[in-house]
């Protein structure tokens, strides 16, 4: 049984993000920077911080793995980056990994994000 506040599936976390209005997807731009297409913002790594990382493994297929990064910009707006990892990564050629490694990490508790 799921504990209050525990998020065990990708769909549950995505629903919580949507409910809180934090469902702004960030993607790599053609220029090697992160962008929020909806808000028309483009970021360098130092303008962002990773505030939470969730890793998920498919119940029926362990190869079905994904990672969700919650990222906050310098204005306090929170968005997310979703990626398959391992052999199924969708960002292999884009410089995504290098960009992500430059973003500072400040791991927050779920209660602080979704309160």
PDB file of N, CA and C in Angstrom:
ATOM      1  N   UNK A   1       0.835  -1.189   0.000  1.00  0.00           N
ATOM      2  CA  UNK A   1       0.000   0.000   0.000  1.00  0.00           C
ATOM      3  C   UNK A   1       0.877   1.248   0.000  1.00  0.00           C
ATOM      4  N   UNK A   2       0.474   2.239  -0.782  1.00  0.00           N
ATOM      5  CA  UNK A   2       1.255   3.462  -0.906  1.00  0.00           C
ATOM      6  C   UNK A   2       1.105   4.335   0.326  1.00  0.00           C
ATOM      7  N   UNK A   3       2.226   4.797   0.845  1.00  0.00           N
ATOM      8  CA  UNK A   3       2.205   5.694   1.998  1.00  0.00           C
ATOM      9  C   UNK A   3       1.780   7.079   1.537  1.00  0.00           C
ATOM     10  N   UNK A   4       1.176   7.882   2.418  1.00  0.00           N
ATOM     11  CA  UNK A   4       0.809   9.242   2.026  1.00  0.00           C
ATOM     12  C   UNK A   4       2.053   9.990   1.533  1.00  0.00           C
ATOM     13  N   UNK A   5       1.913  10.621   0.356  1.00  0.00           N
ATOM     14  CA  UNK A   5       3.010  11.400  -0.192  1.00  0.00           C
ATOM     15  C   UNK A   5       4.014  10.589  -0.999  1.00  0.00           C
ATOM     16  N   UNK A   6       3.942   9.238  -0.917  1.00  0.00           N
ATOM     17  CA  UNK A   6       4.878   8.402  -1.661  1.00  0.00           C
ATOM     18  C   UNK A   6       4.411   8.299  -3.108  1.00  0.00           C
ATOM     19  N   UNK A   7       5.346   8.461  -4.033  1.00  0.00           N
ATOM     20  CA  UNK A   7       4.992   8.395  -5.444  1.00  0.00           C
ATOM     21  C   UNK A   7       5.804   7.292  -6.093  1.00  0.00           C
ATOM     22  N   UNK A   8       5.119   6.226  -6.466  1.00  0.00           N
ATOM     23  CA  UNK A   8       5.820   5.039  -6.927  1.00  0.00           C
ATOM     24  C   UNK A   8       5.745   4.837  -8.429  1.00  0.00           C
ATOM     25  N   UNK A   9       4.892   5.568  -9.126  1.00  0.00           N
ATOM     26  CA  UNK A   9       4.785   5.394 -10.571  1.00  0.00           C
ATOM     27  C   UNK A   9       4.970   6.734 -11.274  1.00  0.00           C
ATOM     28  N   UNK A  10       5.424   6.648 -12.502  1.00  0.00           N
ATOM     29  CA  UNK A  10       5.601   7.851 -13.307  1.00  0.00           C
ATOM     30  C   UNK A  10       4.274   8.575 -13.496  1.00  0.00           C
ATOM     31  N   UNK A  11       3.219   7.838 -13.762  1.00  0.00           N
ATOM     32  CA  UNK A  11       1.925   8.487 -13.987  1.00  0.00           C
ATOM     33  C   UNK A  11       1.443   9.220 -12.729  1.00  0.00           C
ATOM     34  N   UNK A  12       1.737   8.676 -11.556  1.00  0.00           N
ATOM     35  CA  UNK A  12       1.343   9.339 -10.300  1.00  0.00           C
ATOM     36  C   UNK A  12       2.101  10.656 -10.129  1.00  0.00           C
ATOM     37  N   UNK A  13       3.400  10.644 -10.383  1.00  0.00           N
ATOM     38  CA  UNK A  13       4.189  11.873 -10.263  1.00  0.00           C
ATOM     39  C   UNK A  13       3.726  12.891 -11.298  1.00  0.00           C
ATOM     40  N   UNK A  14       3.503  12.447 -12.533  1.00  0.00           N
ATOM     41  CA  UNK A  14       3.049  13.370 -13.580  1.00  0.00           C
ATOM     42  C   UNK A  14       1.697  13.982 -13.227  1.00  0.00           C
ATOM     43  N   UNK A  15       0.808  13.198 -12.640  1.00  0.00           N
ATOM     44  CA  UNK A  15      -0.499  13.725 -12.231  1.00  0.00           C
ATOM     45  C   UNK A  15      -0.336  14.769 -11.133  1.00  0.00           C
ATOM     46  N   UNK A  16       0.550  14.501 -10.169  1.00  0.00           N
ATOM     47  CA  UNK A  16       0.809  15.473  -9.092  1.00  0.00           C
ATOM     48  C   UNK A  16       1.382  16.770  -9.668  1.00  0.00           C
ATOM     49  N   UNK A  17       2.291  16.657 -10.622  1.00  0.00           N
ATOM     50  CA  UNK A  17       2.847  17.852 -11.265  1.00  0.00           C
ATOM     51  C   UNK A  17       1.746  18.648 -11.958  1.00  0.00           C
ATOM     52  N   UNK A  18       0.887  17.946 -12.684  1.00  0.00           N
ATOM     53  CA  UNK A  18      -0.221  18.599 -13.374  1.00  0.00           C
ATOM     54  C   UNK A  18      -1.151  19.292 -12.382  1.00  0.00           C
ATOM     55  N   UNK A  19      -1.492  18.587 -11.304  1.00  0.00           N
ATOM     56  CA  UNK A  19      -2.397  19.148 -10.297  1.00  0.00           C
ATOM     57  C   UNK A  19      -1.842  20.428  -9.675  1.00  0.00           C
ATOM     58  N   UNK A  20      -0.522  20.515  -9.559  1.00  0.00           N
ATOM     59  CA  UNK A  20       0.126  21.693  -8.956  1.00  0.00           C
ATOM     60  C   UNK A  20       0.535  22.735 -10.002  1.00  0.00           C
ATOM     61  N   UNK A  21       0.237  22.487 -11.273  1.00  0.00           N
ATOM     62  CA  UNK A  21       0.602  23.424 -12.323  1.00  0.00           C
ATOM     63  C   UNK A  21       2.092  23.451 -12.606  1.00  0.00           C
ATOM     64  N   UNK A  22       2.773  22.341 -12.339  1.00  0.00           N
ATOM     65  CA  UNK A  22       4.224  22.257 -12.528  1.00  0.00           C
ATOM     66  C   UNK A  22       4.583  21.386 -13.724  1.00  0.00           C
ATOM     67  N   UNK A  23       3.642  21.219 -14.633  1.00  0.00           N
ATOM     68  CA  UNK A  23       3.846  20.287 -15.740  1.00  0.00           C
ATOM     69  C   UNK A  23       4.376  20.988 -16.997  1.00  0.00           C
ATOM     70  N   UNK A  24       5.432  21.769 -16.824  1.00  0.00           N
ATOM     71  CA  UNK A  24       6.086  22.456 -17.934  1.00  0.00           C
ATOM     72  C   UNK A  24       7.302  21.627 -18.343  1.00  0.00           C
ATOM     73  N   UNK A  25       7.250  21.060 -19.530  1.00  0.00           N
ATOM     74  CA  UNK A  25       8.359  20.208 -19.972  1.00  0.00           C
ATOM     75  C   UNK A  25       9.505  21.059 -20.499  1.00  0.00           C
ATOM     76  N   UNK A  26      10.704  20.713 -20.083  1.00  0.00           N
ATOM     77  CA  UNK A  26      11.920  21.344 -20.575  1.00  0.00           C
ATOM     78  C   UNK A  26      12.576  20.380 -21.556  1.00  0.00           C
ATOM     79  N   UNK A  27      13.110  20.929 -22.643  1.00  0.00           N
ATOM     80  CA  UNK A  27      13.756  20.104 -23.669  1.00  0.00           C
ATOM     81  C   UNK A  27      15.060  20.756 -24.079  1.00  0.00           C
ATOM     82  N   UNK A  28      15.935  19.961 -24.660  1.00  0.00           N
ATOM     83  CA  UNK A  28      17.176  20.503 -25.197  1.00  0.00           C
ATOM     84  C   UNK A  28      16.860  21.242 -26.493  1.00  0.00           C
ATOM     85  N   UNK A  29      17.441  22.421 -26.645  1.00  0.00           N
ATOM     86  CA  UNK A  29      17.261  23.187 -27.875  1.00  0.00           C
ATOM     87  C   UNK A  29      18.308  22.755 -28.898  1.00  0.00           C
ATOM     88  N   UNK A  30      18.160  23.227 -30.106  1.00  0.00           N
ATOM     89  CA  UNK A  30      19.140  22.954 -31.151  1.00  0.00           C
ATOM     90  C   UNK A  30      20.479  23.614 -30.842  1.00  0.00           C
ATOM     91  N   UNK A  31      20.469  24.583 -29.940  1.00  0.00           N
ATOM     92  CA  UNK A  31      21.678  25.330 -29.596  1.00  0.00           C
ATOM     93  C   UNK A  31      22.391  24.752 -28.380  1.00  0.00           C
ATOM     94  N   UNK A  32      21.969  23.562 -27.907  1.00  0.00           N
ATOM     95  CA  UNK A  32      22.637  22.913 -26.783  1.00  0.00           C
ATOM     96  C   UNK A  32      22.289  23.503 -25.429  1.00  0.00           C
ATOM     97  N   UNK A  33      21.158  24.188 -25.351  1.00  0.00           N
ATOM     98  CA  UNK A  33      20.691  24.735 -24.077  1.00  0.00           C
ATOM     99  C   UNK A  33      19.308  24.173 -23.791  1.00  0.00           C
ATOM    100  N   UNK A  34      18.886  24.272 -22.534  1.00  0.00           N
ATOM    101  CA  UNK A  34      17.577  23.764 -22.125  1.00  0.00           C
ATOM    102  C   UNK A  34      16.541  24.847 -22.423  1.00  0.00           C
ATOM    103  N   UNK A  35      15.353  24.436 -22.840  1.00  0.00           N
ATOM    104  CA  UNK A  35      14.313  25.419 -23.111  1.00  0.00           C
ATOM    105  C   UNK A  35      12.963  24.969 -22.581  1.00  0.00           C
ATOM    106  N   UNK A  36      12.186  25.945 -22.161  1.00  0.00           N
ATOM    107  CA  UNK A  36      10.793  25.757 -21.795  1.00  0.00           C
ATOM    108  C   UNK A  36      10.009  26.338 -22.962  1.00  0.00           C
ATOM    109  N   UNK A  37       9.530  25.479 -23.848  1.00  0.00           N
ATOM    110  CA  UNK A  37       8.870  25.923 -25.066  1.00  0.00           C
ATOM    111  C   UNK A  37       7.601  26.709 -24.734  1.00  0.00           C
ATOM    112  N   UNK A  38       6.834  26.215 -23.783  1.00  0.00           N
ATOM    113  CA  UNK A  38       5.573  26.851 -23.407  1.00  0.00           C
ATOM    114  C   UNK A  38       5.776  28.300 -22.949  1.00  0.00           C
ATOM    115  N   UNK A  39       6.806  28.524 -22.146  1.00  0.00           N
ATOM    116  CA  UNK A  39       7.071  29.863 -21.606  1.00  0.00           C
ATOM    117  C   UNK A  39       8.091  30.635 -22.441  1.00  0.00           C
ATOM    118  N   UNK A  40       8.586  30.020 -23.499  1.00  0.00           N
ATOM    119  CA  UNK A  40       9.569  30.614 -24.401  1.00  0.00           C
ATOM    120  C   UNK A  40      10.790  31.138 -23.645  1.00  0.00           C
ATOM    121  N   UNK A  41      11.333  30.292 -22.773  1.00  0.00           N
ATOM    122  CA  UNK A  41      12.547  30.613 -22.029  1.00  0.00           C
ATOM    123  C   UNK A  41      13.642  29.635 -22.427  1.00  0.00           C
ATOM    124  N   UNK A  42      14.867  30.143 -22.480  1.00  0.00           N
ATOM    125  CA  UNK A  42      16.030  29.313 -22.773  1.00  0.00           C
ATOM    126  C   UNK A  42      17.015  29.489 -21.631  1.00  0.00           C
ATOM    127  N   UNK A  43      17.617  28.372 -21.182  1.00  0.00           N
ATOM    128  CA  UNK A  43      18.459  28.386 -19.997  1.00  0.00           C
ATOM    129  C   UNK A  43      19.853  27.832 -20.253  1.00  0.00           C
ATOM    130  N   UNK A  44      20.813  28.388 -19.529  1.00  0.00           N
ATOM    131  CA  UNK A  44      22.132  27.811 -19.366  1.00  0.00           C
ATOM    132  C   UNK A  44      22.083  26.975 -18.091  1.00  0.00           C
ATOM    133  N   UNK A  45      22.992  26.029 -17.902  1.00  0.00           N
ATOM    134  CA  UNK A  45      22.945  25.158 -16.713  1.00  0.00           C
ATOM    135  C   UNK A  45      22.947  25.924 -15.386  1.00  0.00           C
ATOM    136  N   UNK A  46      23.704  27.000 -15.290  1.00  0.00           N
ATOM    137  CA  UNK A  46      23.804  27.743 -14.028  1.00  0.00           C
ATOM    138  C   UNK A  46      22.524  28.500 -13.674  1.00  0.00           C
ATOM    139  N   UNK A  47      21.566  28.556 -14.593  1.00  0.00           N
ATOM    140  CA  UNK A  47      20.287  29.228 -14.328  1.00  0.00           C
ATOM    141  C   UNK A  47      19.235  28.255 -13.803  1.00  0.00           C
ATOM    142  N   UNK A  48      19.634  27.000 -13.622  1.00  0.00           N
ATOM    143  CA  UNK A  48      18.715  25.944 -13.209  1.00  0.00           C
ATOM    144  C   UNK A  48      19.268  25.199 -12.007  1.00  0.00           C
ATOM    145  N   UNK A  49      18.387  24.464 -11.311  1.00  0.00           N
ATOM    146  CA  UNK A  49      18.836  23.493 -10.316  1.00  0.00           C
ATOM    147  C   UNK A  49      17.881  22.314 -10.315  1.00  0.00           C
ATOM    148  N   UNK A  50      18.457  21.137 -10.185  1.00  0.00           N
ATOM    149  CA  UNK A  50      17.666  19.912 -10.102  1.00  0.00           C
ATOM    150  C   UNK A  50      17.215  19.786  -8.649  1.00  0.00           C
ATOM    151  N   UNK A  51      15.899  19.765  -8.446  1.00  0.00           N
ATOM    152  CA  UNK A  51      15.395  19.705  -7.071  1.00  0.00           C
ATOM    153  C   UNK A  51      14.883  18.324  -6.688  1.00  0.00           C
ATOM    154  N   UNK A  52      14.717  17.441  -7.671  1.00  0.00           N
ATOM    155  CA  UNK A  52      14.283  16.075  -7.356  1.00  0.00           C
ATOM    156  C   UNK A  52      14.513  15.193  -8.576  1.00  0.00           C
ATOM    157  N   UNK A  53      14.920  13.966  -8.333  1.00  0.00           N
ATOM    158  CA  UNK A  53      15.094  12.981  -9.393  1.00  0.00           C
ATOM    159  C   UNK A  53      14.304  11.738  -9.014  1.00  0.00           C
ATOM    160  N   UNK A  54      13.476  11.279  -9.932  1.00  0.00           N
ATOM    161  CA  UNK A  54      12.715  10.041  -9.740  1.00  0.00           C
ATOM    162  C   UNK A  54      13.160   9.054 -10.807  1.00  0.00           C
ATOM    163  N   UNK A  55      13.416   7.820 -10.405  1.00  0.00           N
ATOM    164  CA  UNK A  55      13.755   6.762 -11.350  1.00  0.00           C
ATOM    165  C   UNK A  55      12.661   5.700 -11.300  1.00  0.00           C
ATOM    166  N   UNK A  56      12.273   5.237 -12.487  1.00  0.00           N
ATOM    167  CA  UNK A  56      11.195   4.259 -12.588  1.00  0.00           C
ATOM    168  C   UNK A  56      11.643   3.091 -13.446  1.00  0.00           C
ATOM    169  N   UNK A  57      11.222   1.897 -13.057  1.00  0.00           N
ATOM    170  CA  UNK A  57      11.490   0.688 -13.821  1.00  0.00           C
ATOM    171  C   UNK A  57      10.153   0.027 -14.098  1.00  0.00           C
ATOM    172  N   UNK A  58       9.942  -0.363 -15.338  1.00  0.00           N
ATOM    173  CA  UNK A  58       8.683  -0.999 -15.714  1.00  0.00           C
ATOM    174  C   UNK A  58       8.461  -2.290 -14.952  1.00  0.00           C
ATOM    175  N   UNK A  59       7.222  -2.518 -14.520  1.00  0.00           N
ATOM    176  CA  UNK A  59       6.900  -3.727 -13.755  1.00  0.00           C
ATOM    177  C   UNK A  59       7.056  -4.991 -14.589  1.00  0.00           C
ATOM    178  N   UNK A  60       6.636  -4.926 -15.849  1.00  0.00           N
ATOM    179  CA  UNK A  60       6.689  -6.130 -16.671  1.00  0.00           C
ATOM    180  C   UNK A  60       7.979  -6.242 -17.472  1.00  0.00           C
ATOM    181  N   UNK A  61       8.687  -5.129 -17.639  1.00  0.00           N
ATOM    182  CA  UNK A  61       9.909  -5.153 -18.439  1.00  0.00           C
ATOM    183  C   UNK A  61      10.971  -4.280 -17.776  1.00  0.00           C
ATOM    184  N   UNK A  62      11.972  -4.864 -17.144  1.00  0.00           N
ATOM    185  CA  UNK A  62      13.015  -4.084 -16.485  1.00  0.00           C
ATOM    186  C   UNK A  62      13.773  -3.158 -17.446  1.00  0.00           C
ATOM    187  N   UNK A  63      13.706  -3.432 -18.746  1.00  0.00           N
ATOM    188  CA  UNK A  63      14.363  -2.557 -19.718  1.00  0.00           C
ATOM    189  C   UNK A  63      13.574  -1.261 -19.921  1.00  0.00           C
ATOM    190  N   UNK A  64      12.337  -1.247 -19.436  1.00  0.00           N
ATOM    191  CA  UNK A  64      11.492  -0.052 -19.555  1.00  0.00           C
ATOM    192  C   UNK A  64      11.811   0.878 -18.385  1.00  0.00           C
ATOM    193  N   UNK A  65      12.914   1.615 -18.502  1.00  0.00           N
ATOM    194  CA  UNK A  65      13.374   2.459 -17.412  1.00  0.00           C
ATOM    195  C   UNK A  65      13.308   3.920 -17.839  1.00  0.00           C
ATOM    196  N   UNK A  66      12.903   4.776 -16.901  1.00  0.00           N
ATOM    197  CA  UNK A  66      12.867   6.202 -17.194  1.00  0.00           C
ATOM    198  C   UNK A  66      13.292   6.979 -15.967  1.00  0.00           C
ATOM    199  N   UNK A  67      13.674   8.208 -16.204  1.00  0.00           N
ATOM    200  CA  UNK A  67      14.060   9.103 -15.122  1.00  0.00           C
ATOM    201  C   UNK A  67      13.352  10.435 -15.359  1.00  0.00           C
ATOM    202  N   UNK A  68      12.853  11.009 -14.283  1.00  0.00           N
ATOM    203  CA  UNK A  68      12.164  12.295 -14.321  1.00  0.00           C
ATOM    204  C   UNK A  68      12.927  13.250 -13.423  1.00  0.00           C
ATOM    205  N   UNK A  69      13.382  14.351 -13.996  1.00  0.00           N
ATOM    206  CA  UNK A  69      14.088  15.377 -13.234  1.00  0.00           C
ATOM    207  C   UNK A  69      13.151  16.555 -13.029  1.00  0.00           C
ATOM    208  N   UNK A  70      12.962  16.975 -11.786  1.00  0.00           N
ATOM    209  CA  UNK A  70      12.248  18.222 -11.516  1.00  0.00           C
ATOM    210  C   UNK A  70      13.298  19.311 -11.447  1.00  0.00           C
ATOM    211  N   UNK A  71      13.096  20.353 -12.218  1.00  0.00           N
ATOM    212  CA  UNK A  71      14.099  21.406 -12.356  1.00  0.00           C
ATOM    213  C   UNK A  71      13.461  22.756 -12.075  1.00  0.00           C
ATOM    214  N   UNK A  72      14.143  23.544 -11.252  1.00  0.00           N
ATOM    215  CA  UNK A  72      13.660  24.882 -10.905  1.00  0.00           C
ATOM    216  C   UNK A  72      14.562  25.923 -11.566  1.00  0.00           C
ATOM    217  N   UNK A  73      13.942  26.963 -12.146  1.00  0.00           N
ATOM    218  CA  UNK A  73      14.753  28.028 -12.740  1.00  0.00           C
ATOM    219  C   UNK A  73      15.010  29.130 -11.719  1.00  0.00           C
ATOM    220  N   UNK A  74      15.765  30.139 -12.116  1.00  0.00           N
ATOM    221  CA  UNK A  74      16.160  31.203 -11.196  1.00  0.00           C
ATOM    222  C   UNK A  74      14.978  32.057 -10.734  1.00  0.00           C
ATOM    223  N   UNK A  75      13.825  31.945 -11.413  1.00  0.00           N
ATOM    224  CA  UNK A  75      12.624  32.671 -11.006  1.00  0.00           C
ATOM    225  C   UNK A  75      11.722  31.839 -10.097  1.00  0.00           C
ATOM    226  N   UNK A  76      12.156  30.616  -9.763  1.00  0.00           N
ATOM    227  CA  UNK A  76      11.371  29.744  -8.893  1.00  0.00           C
ATOM    228  C   UNK A  76      10.340  28.903  -9.619  1.00  0.00           C
ATOM    229  N   UNK A  77      10.325  28.951 -10.951  1.00  0.00           N
ATOM    230  CA  UNK A  77       9.384  28.131 -11.713  1.00  0.00           C
ATOM    231  C   UNK A  77       9.934  26.717 -11.846  1.00  0.00           C
ATOM    232  N   UNK A  78       9.059  25.745 -11.655  1.00  0.00           N
ATOM    233  CA  UNK A  78       9.455  24.340 -11.706  1.00  0.00           C
ATOM    234  C   UNK A  78       8.916  23.696 -12.971  1.00  0.00           C
ATOM    235  N   UNK A  79       9.783  22.945 -13.629  1.00  0.00           N
ATOM    236  CA  UNK A  79       9.415  22.169 -14.789  1.00  0.00           C
ATOM    237  C   UNK A  79      10.041  20.794 -14.666  1.00  0.00           C
ATOM    238  N   UNK A  80       9.960  20.019 -15.735  1.00  0.00           N
ATOM    239  CA  UNK A  80      10.515  18.669 -15.669  1.00  0.00           C
ATOM    240  C   UNK A  80      11.176  18.280 -16.982  1.00  0.00           C
ATOM    241  N   UNK A  81      12.071  17.323 -16.871  1.00  0.00           N
ATOM    242  CA  UNK A  81      12.675  16.665 -18.024  1.00  0.00           C
ATOM    243  C   UNK A  81      12.445  15.177 -17.816  1.00  0.00           C
ATOM    244  N   UNK A  82      11.907  14.521 -18.828  1.00  0.00           N
ATOM    245  CA  UNK A  82      11.660  13.081 -18.774  1.00  0.00           C
ATOM    246  C   UNK A  82      12.559  12.411 -19.803  1.00  0.00           C
ATOM    247  N   UNK A  83      13.229  11.360 -19.368  1.00  0.00           N
ATOM    248  CA  UNK A  83      14.118  10.642 -20.280  1.00  0.00           C
ATOM    249  C   UNK A  83      14.098   9.164 -19.962  1.00  0.00           C
ATOM    250  N   UNK A  84      14.178   8.370 -21.018  1.00  0.00           N
ATOM    251  CA  UNK A  84      14.461   6.949 -20.822  1.00  0.00           C
ATOM    252  C   UNK A  84      15.951   6.878 -20.550  1.00  0.00           C
ATOM    253  N   UNK A  85      16.380   5.914 -19.774  1.00  0.00           N
ATOM    254  CA  UNK A  85      17.823   5.817 -19.570  1.00  0.00           C
ATOM    255  C   UNK A  85      18.324   4.453 -19.951  1.00  0.00           C
ATOM    256  N   UNK A  86      19.630   4.360 -20.011  1.00  0.00           N
ATOM    257  CA  UNK A  86      20.234   3.131 -20.500  1.00  0.00           C
ATOM    258  C   UNK A  86      20.199   3.126 -22.016  1.00  0.00           C
ATOM    259  N   UNK A  87      19.936   1.988 -22.589  1.00  0.00           N
ATOM    260  CA  UNK A  87      19.956   1.832 -24.044  1.00  0.00           C
ATOM    261  C   UNK A  87      18.866   2.628 -24.743  1.00  0.00           C
ATOM    262  N   UNK A  88      17.828   3.057 -23.996  1.00  0.00           N
ATOM    263  CA  UNK A  88      16.689   3.732 -24.612  1.00  0.00           C
ATOM    264  C   UNK A  88      16.722   5.243 -24.463  1.00  0.00           C
ATOM    265  N   UNK A  89      17.834   5.801 -24.015  1.00  0.00           N
ATOM    266  CA  UNK A  89      17.917   7.247 -23.820  1.00  0.00           C
ATOM    267  C   UNK A  89      17.581   7.981 -25.112  1.00  0.00           C
ATOM    268  N   UNK A  90      16.790   9.025 -24.996  1.00  0.00           N
ATOM    269  CA  UNK A  90      16.383   9.798 -26.166  1.00  0.00           C
ATOM    270  C   UNK A  90      17.267  11.014 -26.368  1.00  0.00           C
ATOM    271  N   UNK A  91      18.251  11.229 -25.501  1.00  0.00           N
ATOM    272  CA  UNK A  91      19.084  12.424 -25.580  1.00  0.00           C
ATOM    273  C   UNK A  91      20.550  12.117 -25.877  1.00  0.00           C
ATOM    274  N   UNK A  92      20.824  10.964 -26.431  1.00  0.00           N
ATOM    275  CA  UNK A  92      22.198  10.515 -26.585  1.00  0.00           C
ATOM    276  C   UNK A  92      23.065  11.465 -27.414  1.00  0.00           C
ATOM    277  N   UNK A  93      22.551  12.019 -28.484  1.00  0.00           N
ATOM    278  CA  UNK A  93      23.345  12.827 -29.396  1.00  0.00           C
ATOM    279  C   UNK A  93      23.286  14.323 -29.103  1.00  0.00           C
ATOM    280  N   UNK A  94      22.458  14.786 -28.196  1.00  0.00           N
ATOM    281  CA  UNK A  94      22.169  16.212 -28.077  1.00  0.00           C
ATOM    282  C   UNK A  94      23.041  16.982 -27.094  1.00  0.00           C
ATOM    283  N   UNK A  95      23.955  16.336 -26.387  1.00  0.00           N
ATOM    284  CA  UNK A  95      24.707  17.020 -25.350  1.00  0.00           C
ATOM    285  C   UNK A  95      23.938  17.106 -24.051  1.00  0.00           C
ATOM    286  N   UNK A  96      22.841  16.368 -23.973  1.00  0.00           N
ATOM    287  CA  UNK A  96      21.962  16.397 -22.807  1.00  0.00           C
ATOM    288  C   UNK A  96      22.695  16.004 -21.537  1.00  0.00           C
ATOM    289  N   UNK A  97      23.428  14.896 -21.571  1.00  0.00           N
ATOM    290  CA  UNK A  97      24.113  14.414 -20.368  1.00  0.00           C
ATOM    291  C   UNK A  97      25.118  15.434 -19.851  1.00  0.00           C
ATOM    292  N   UNK A  98      25.881  16.036 -20.758  1.00  0.00           N
ATOM    293  CA  UNK A  98      26.868  17.041 -20.349  1.00  0.00           C
ATOM    294  C   UNK A  98      26.184  18.258 -19.737  1.00  0.00           C
ATOM    295  N   UNK A  99      25.086  18.686 -20.350  1.00  0.00           N
ATOM    296  CA  UNK A  99      24.332  19.836 -19.837  1.00  0.00           C
ATOM    297  C   UNK A  99      23.789  19.525 -18.443  1.00  0.00           C
ATOM    298  N   UNK A 100      23.183  18.348 -18.306  1.00  0.00           N
ATOM    299  CA  UNK A 100      22.584  17.950 -17.033  1.00  0.00           C
ATOM    300  C   UNK A 100      23.618  17.874 -15.913  1.00  0.00           C
ATOM    301  N   UNK A 101      24.803  17.406 -16.219  1.00  0.00           N
ATOM    302  CA  UNK A 101      25.859  17.291 -15.217  1.00  0.00           C
ATOM    303  C   UNK A 101      26.311  18.651 -14.699  1.00  0.00           C
ATOM    304  N   UNK A 102      26.076  19.707 -15.447  1.00  0.00           N
ATOM    305  CA  UNK A 102      26.477  21.060 -15.040  1.00  0.00           C
ATOM    306  C   UNK A 102      25.422  21.749 -14.172  1.00  0.00           C
ATOM    307  N   UNK A 103      24.216  21.183 -14.092  1.00  0.00           N
ATOM    308  CA  UNK A 103      23.145  21.784 -13.294  1.00  0.00           C
ATOM    309  C   UNK A 103      23.351  21.409 -11.830  1.00  0.00           C
ATOM    310  N   UNK A 104      23.385  22.394 -10.922  1.00  0.00           N
ATOM    311  CA  UNK A 104      23.507  22.071  -9.495  1.00  0.00           C
ATOM    312  C   UNK A 104      22.309  21.257  -9.007  1.00  0.00           C
ATOM    313  N   UNK A 105      22.550  20.421  -8.009  1.00  0.00           N
ATOM    314  CA  UNK A 105      21.502  19.562  -7.454  1.00  0.00           C
ATOM    315  C   UNK A 105      21.197  19.997  -6.031  1.00  0.00           C
ATOM    316  N   UNK A 106      19.917  20.168  -5.747  1.00  0.00           N
ATOM    317  CA  UNK A 106      19.435  20.468  -4.396  1.00  0.00           C
ATOM    318  C   UNK A 106      18.242  19.557  -4.160  1.00  0.00           C
ATOM    319  N   UNK A 107      18.489  18.370  -3.647  1.00  0.00           N
ATOM    320  CA  UNK A 107      17.428  17.376  -3.496  1.00  0.00           C
ATOM    321  C   UNK A 107      16.438  17.807  -2.421  1.00  0.00           C
ATOM    322  N   UNK A 108      15.167  18.005  -2.822  1.00  0.00           N
ATOM    323  CA  UNK A 108      14.120  18.416  -1.896  1.00  0.00           C
ATOM    324  C   UNK A 108      13.183  17.257  -1.613  1.00  0.00           C
ATOM    325  N   UNK A 109      12.559  17.321  -0.449  1.00  0.00           N
ATOM    326  CA  UNK A 109      11.547  16.327  -0.099  1.00  0.00           C
ATOM    327  C   UNK A 109      10.280  16.575  -0.904  1.00  0.00           C
ATOM    328  N   UNK A 110       9.530  15.510  -1.209  1.00  0.00           N
ATOM    329  CA  UNK A 110       8.280  15.623  -1.949  1.00  0.00           C
ATOM    330  C   UNK A 110       7.330  16.627  -1.288  1.00  0.00           C
ATOM    331  N   UNK A 111       7.286  16.618   0.039  1.00  0.00           N
ATOM    332  CA  UNK A 111       6.347  17.490   0.760  1.00  0.00           C
ATOM    333  C   UNK A 111       6.621  18.959   0.458  1.00  0.00           C
ATOM    334  N   UNK A 112       7.881  19.328   0.282  1.00  0.00           N
ATOM    335  CA  UNK A 112       8.224  20.722  -0.001  1.00  0.00           C
ATOM    336  C   UNK A 112       7.845  21.116  -1.427  1.00  0.00           C
ATOM    337  N   UNK A 113       7.880  20.170  -2.341  1.00  0.00           N
ATOM    338  CA  UNK A 113       7.569  20.452  -3.733  1.00  0.00           C
ATOM    339  C   UNK A 113       6.059  20.469  -3.952  1.00  0.00           C
ATOM    340  N   UNK A 114       5.370  19.488  -3.386  1.00  0.00           N
ATOM    341  CA  UNK A 114       3.951  19.299  -3.677  1.00  0.00           C
ATOM    342  C   UNK A 114       3.016  19.817  -2.591  1.00  0.00           C
ATOM    343  N   UNK A 115       3.542  20.562  -1.641  1.00  0.00           N
ATOM    344  CA  UNK A 115       2.703  21.079  -0.542  1.00  0.00           C
ATOM    345  C   UNK A 115       1.681  22.050  -1.038  1.00  0.00           C
TER     346      UNK A 115
END
